[in-house]
Amino acid sequence: VSFDAGLAATTIARSDLSSGTLEVAVVDGDNNVTWGAIGDPTVANGVETRYQYGPATSFNGGEGLDYHDRSMYFTTKNDNRVYQYDIDNDTMTIIYDQQTDMNGGLASGLDNLEMSPAGEVLIAEDGGNMELCVIANDYVVPIVRVIGHGSSEMTGPAFTSDMTRLYFSSQRGSTGDSADGVTYEITGPFAE
């Protein structure tokens, strides 16, 4: 994205996704991952992509996704888990599961996530206690709670490149109306 002096977007460069291969993850009982090709990514045959490769692994409500240090991290909000896919070793690990959380399942409604440079996972809750939480060293630590936004959800945690600010939003604010969303800024430093 390029911006003019008034910070209006002037050009948006997009990748050409019309070629290549769309694949789905297949995770075996030992957490090894293989990839299966989707035959018809356009769904012209009427079969949704998730059903086109029989042994594909289903995830329960996939949400946030981020990359850090040769791993992809993603959340599933219907079972409140965070997964780590190790790209080099082709393995999938559950790094957080609310059912086995030693703190009594503090994080719930797991939605968007953001990775810190140190490898900590920041999670925005869709419901739950309306918190941003950090998962590090097998513990969940709430860092921010937004009060009075029960009909909303936390979204989009993101650090600035210099790690001095963290942004996140309450999608529908205190009224529950999407026109009343609120964006917050927290100043750091966060790189330490």
Protein backbone atom coordinates (compact mmCIF):
# COMPACT_ATOMS: atom_id res chain seq x y z
CA VAL A 1 0.00 0.00 0.00
CA SER A 2 1.27 3.46 -0.87
CA PHE A 3 -0.02 6.66 0.73
CA ASP A 4 -0.06 10.28 -0.42
CA ALA A 5 0.84 13.21 1.88
CA GLY A 6 -2.73 13.27 3.25
CA LEU A 7 -2.40 9.58 4.17
CA ALA A 8 -4.93 8.45 1.58
CA ALA A 9 -4.16 5.10 -0.02
CA THR A 10 -3.03 5.73 -3.59
CA THR A 11 -2.02 2.24 -4.75
CA ILE A 12 -2.60 -1.20 -3.40
CA ALA A 13 -0.34 -3.99 -4.64
CA ARG A 14 -1.99 -7.37 -4.52
CA SER A 15 -0.51 -10.78 -5.06
CA ASP A 16 -1.75 -12.84 -7.98
CA LEU A 17 -3.51 -15.78 -6.36
CA SER A 18 -4.99 -17.10 -9.62
CA SER A 19 -2.31 -19.77 -9.93
CA GLY A 20 -0.67 -22.15 -7.50
CA THR A 21 -2.10 -24.96 -5.42
CA LEU A 22 -4.59 -24.66 -2.58
CA GLU A 23 -3.94 -27.35 0.02
CA VAL A 24 -5.47 -28.46 3.32
CA ALA A 25 -3.69 -29.74 6.42
CA VAL A 26 -3.88 -33.39 7.41
CA VAL A 27 -2.65 -33.91 10.98
CA ASP A 28 -1.97 -37.51 12.06
CA GLY A 29 -2.04 -38.97 15.58
CA ASP A 30 1.63 -38.06 16.12
CA ASN A 31 0.97 -34.39 15.20
CA ASN A 32 2.76 -34.75 11.84
CA VAL A 33 1.31 -32.59 9.08
CA THR A 34 0.95 -33.44 5.42
CA TRP A 35 -0.86 -31.37 2.83
CA GLY A 36 -3.60 -32.46 0.44
CA ALA A 37 -4.38 -30.61 -2.78
CA ILE A 38 -7.85 -29.18 -3.33
CA GLY A 39 -9.05 -30.25 -6.77
CA ASP A 40 -11.40 -27.33 -7.46
CA PRO A 41 -10.67 -24.17 -5.44
CA THR A 42 -13.33 -22.26 -7.42
CA VAL A 43 -16.03 -24.63 -6.08
CA ALA A 44 -17.44 -24.86 -9.62
CA ASN A 45 -18.21 -28.51 -8.91
CA GLY A 46 -20.50 -27.47 -6.04
CA VAL A 47 -18.39 -29.17 -3.35
CA GLU A 48 -16.98 -26.76 -0.75
CA THR A 49 -13.19 -26.85 -0.51
CA ARG A 50 -13.16 -28.28 3.02
CA TYR A 51 -14.98 -31.38 1.76
CA GLN A 52 -12.86 -31.97 -1.34
CA TYR A 53 -10.03 -33.78 0.43
CA GLY A 54 -11.37 -36.61 2.60
CA PRO A 55 -8.71 -36.88 5.30
CA ALA A 56 -8.44 -33.10 5.86
CA THR A 57 -8.21 -32.16 9.54
CA SER A 58 -11.11 -30.07 10.83
CA PHE A 59 -10.49 -27.23 13.26
CA ASN A 60 -13.33 -25.99 15.44
CA GLY A 61 -13.95 -22.37 14.42
CA GLY A 62 -10.64 -21.19 12.96
CA GLU A 63 -9.96 -17.51 13.67
CA GLY A 64 -6.74 -15.49 14.12
CA LEU A 65 -3.53 -16.39 12.31
CA ASP A 66 0.01 -15.01 12.61
CA TYR A 67 3.55 -15.97 11.64
CA HIS A 68 6.58 -15.93 13.95
CA ASP A 69 10.02 -17.53 13.67
CA ARG A 70 9.17 -20.24 11.10
CA SER A 71 5.85 -21.13 12.73
CA MET A 72 2.23 -20.26 12.01
CA TYR A 73 -0.05 -19.74 15.01
CA PHE A 74 -3.84 -19.79 14.89
CA THR A 75 -6.82 -19.88 17.22
CA THR A 76 -10.03 -21.90 17.23
CA LYS A 77 -12.75 -20.15 19.16
CA ASN A 78 -15.30 -22.94 19.52
CA ASP A 79 -12.92 -25.09 21.58
CA ASN A 80 -10.64 -22.25 22.81
CA ARG A 81 -7.32 -23.53 21.53
CA VAL A 82 -4.14 -22.04 20.09
CA TYR A 83 -2.19 -24.13 17.60
CA GLN A 84 1.41 -23.85 16.42
CA TYR A 85 2.33 -25.23 13.00
CA ASP A 86 6.12 -25.70 12.80
CA ILE A 87 6.89 -25.15 9.11
CA ASP A 88 10.34 -26.77 9.10
CA ASN A 89 9.29 -29.93 10.95
CA ASP A 90 5.74 -30.21 9.56
CA THR A 91 4.24 -30.66 13.03
CA MET A 92 1.13 -29.24 14.69
CA THR A 93 1.02 -28.63 18.43
CA ILE A 94 -1.73 -27.31 20.68
CA ILE A 95 0.02 -24.66 22.77
CA TYR A 96 -3.09 -23.57 24.67
CA ASP A 97 -6.27 -25.47 25.46
CA GLN A 98 -8.84 -23.92 27.80
CA GLN A 99 -9.85 -27.40 28.99
CA THR A 100 -6.35 -28.10 30.34
CA ASP A 101 -5.37 -24.53 31.33
CA MET A 102 -3.54 -24.62 34.67
CA ASN A 103 -5.11 -21.24 35.53
CA GLY A 104 -8.66 -22.52 35.28
CA GLY A 105 -9.39 -21.56 31.67
CA LEU A 106 -8.83 -17.82 31.84
CA ALA A 107 -8.90 -17.22 28.08
CA SER A 108 -12.15 -17.93 26.22
CA GLY A 109 -13.76 -16.98 22.93
CA LEU A 110 -10.30 -16.98 21.35
CA ASP A 111 -10.29 -14.85 18.23
CA ASN A 112 -7.56 -12.67 16.69
CA LEU A 113 -3.96 -13.08 17.74
CA GLU A 114 -0.65 -11.28 17.40
CA MET A 115 2.84 -12.59 18.11
CA SER A 116 5.35 -10.56 20.10
CA PRO A 117 9.00 -10.57 18.97
CA ALA A 118 9.76 -12.75 22.00
CA GLY A 119 7.28 -15.39 20.80
CA GLU A 120 4.49 -14.62 23.24
CA VAL A 121 0.96 -15.03 21.88
CA LEU A 122 -1.46 -12.13 22.39
CA ILE A 123 -5.09 -13.18 22.06
CA ALA A 124 -8.18 -11.03 21.65
CA GLU A 125 -11.34 -12.52 23.13
CA ASP A 126 -14.64 -12.67 21.24
CA GLY A 127 -16.79 -12.65 24.34
CA GLY A 128 -15.29 -14.10 27.49
CA ASN A 129 -14.14 -11.27 29.75
CA MET A 130 -13.39 -8.92 26.82
CA GLU A 131 -9.67 -9.22 27.48
CA LEU A 132 -6.41 -9.17 25.63
CA CYS A 133 -4.40 -12.02 27.09
CA VAL A 134 -0.79 -13.13 26.74
CA ILE A 135 0.09 -16.80 26.61
CA ALA A 136 3.68 -17.47 27.60
CA ASN A 137 5.40 -20.33 29.39
CA ASP A 138 2.13 -22.30 29.78
CA TYR A 139 0.38 -19.43 31.55
CA VAL A 140 -2.36 -17.04 30.49
CA VAL A 141 -2.04 -13.48 31.74
CA PRO A 142 -4.80 -10.93 31.05
CA ILE A 143 -3.19 -7.60 30.13
CA VAL A 144 -6.25 -5.48 29.30
CA ARG A 145 -9.96 -5.81 30.07
CA VAL A 146 -12.56 -3.56 28.44
CA ILE A 147 -15.53 -3.04 30.78
CA GLY A 148 -19.08 -2.40 29.54
CA HIS A 149 -18.64 -3.86 26.05
CA GLY A 150 -20.47 -7.16 26.60
CA SER A 151 -22.10 -7.13 23.15
CA SER A 152 -18.80 -6.61 21.37
CA GLU A 153 -15.57 -8.49 20.79
CA MET A 154 -11.90 -7.61 21.00
CA THR A 155 -10.27 -7.52 17.56
CA GLY A 156 -7.06 -6.93 15.70
CA PRO A 157 -4.23 -6.66 18.23
CA ALA A 158 -1.19 -5.26 16.40
CA PHE A 159 2.17 -3.83 17.41
CA THR A 160 3.91 -0.98 15.63
CA SER A 161 7.17 -2.01 13.96
CA ASP A 162 9.21 -0.19 16.63
CA MET A 163 7.29 -2.05 19.38
CA THR A 164 6.30 1.15 21.20
CA ARG A 165 2.54 0.85 20.67
CA LEU A 166 -0.08 -1.88 20.76
CA TYR A 167 -3.44 -1.31 19.06
CA PHE A 168 -6.69 -3.26 19.40
CA SER A 169 -10.37 -2.58 18.88
CA SER A 170 -13.74 -3.27 20.45
CA GLN A 171 -15.68 -4.17 17.32
CA ARG A 172 -19.08 -2.87 18.43
CA GLY A 173 -18.16 -0.67 21.40
CA SER A 174 -20.40 -0.32 24.44
CA THR A 175 -23.66 -0.13 22.44
CA GLY A 176 -23.25 -3.38 20.53
CA ASP A 177 -23.70 -1.49 17.24
CA SER A 178 -20.95 -1.92 14.63
CA ALA A 179 -21.09 1.84 13.96
CA ASP A 180 -19.82 2.41 17.52
CA GLY A 181 -16.57 0.42 17.39
CA VAL A 182 -13.63 1.80 19.37
CA THR A 183 -9.88 1.50 18.71
CA TYR A 184 -7.39 1.70 21.58
CA GLU A 185 -3.68 2.45 21.78
CA ILE A 186 -1.37 1.29 24.57
CA THR A 187 2.14 2.71 24.69
CA GLY A 188 5.06 0.46 25.61
CA PRO A 189 7.98 -0.46 25.25
CA PHE A 190 6.94 -4.00 24.35
CA ALA A 191 10.21 -5.34 22.93
CA GLU A 192 11.78 -6.11 26.31
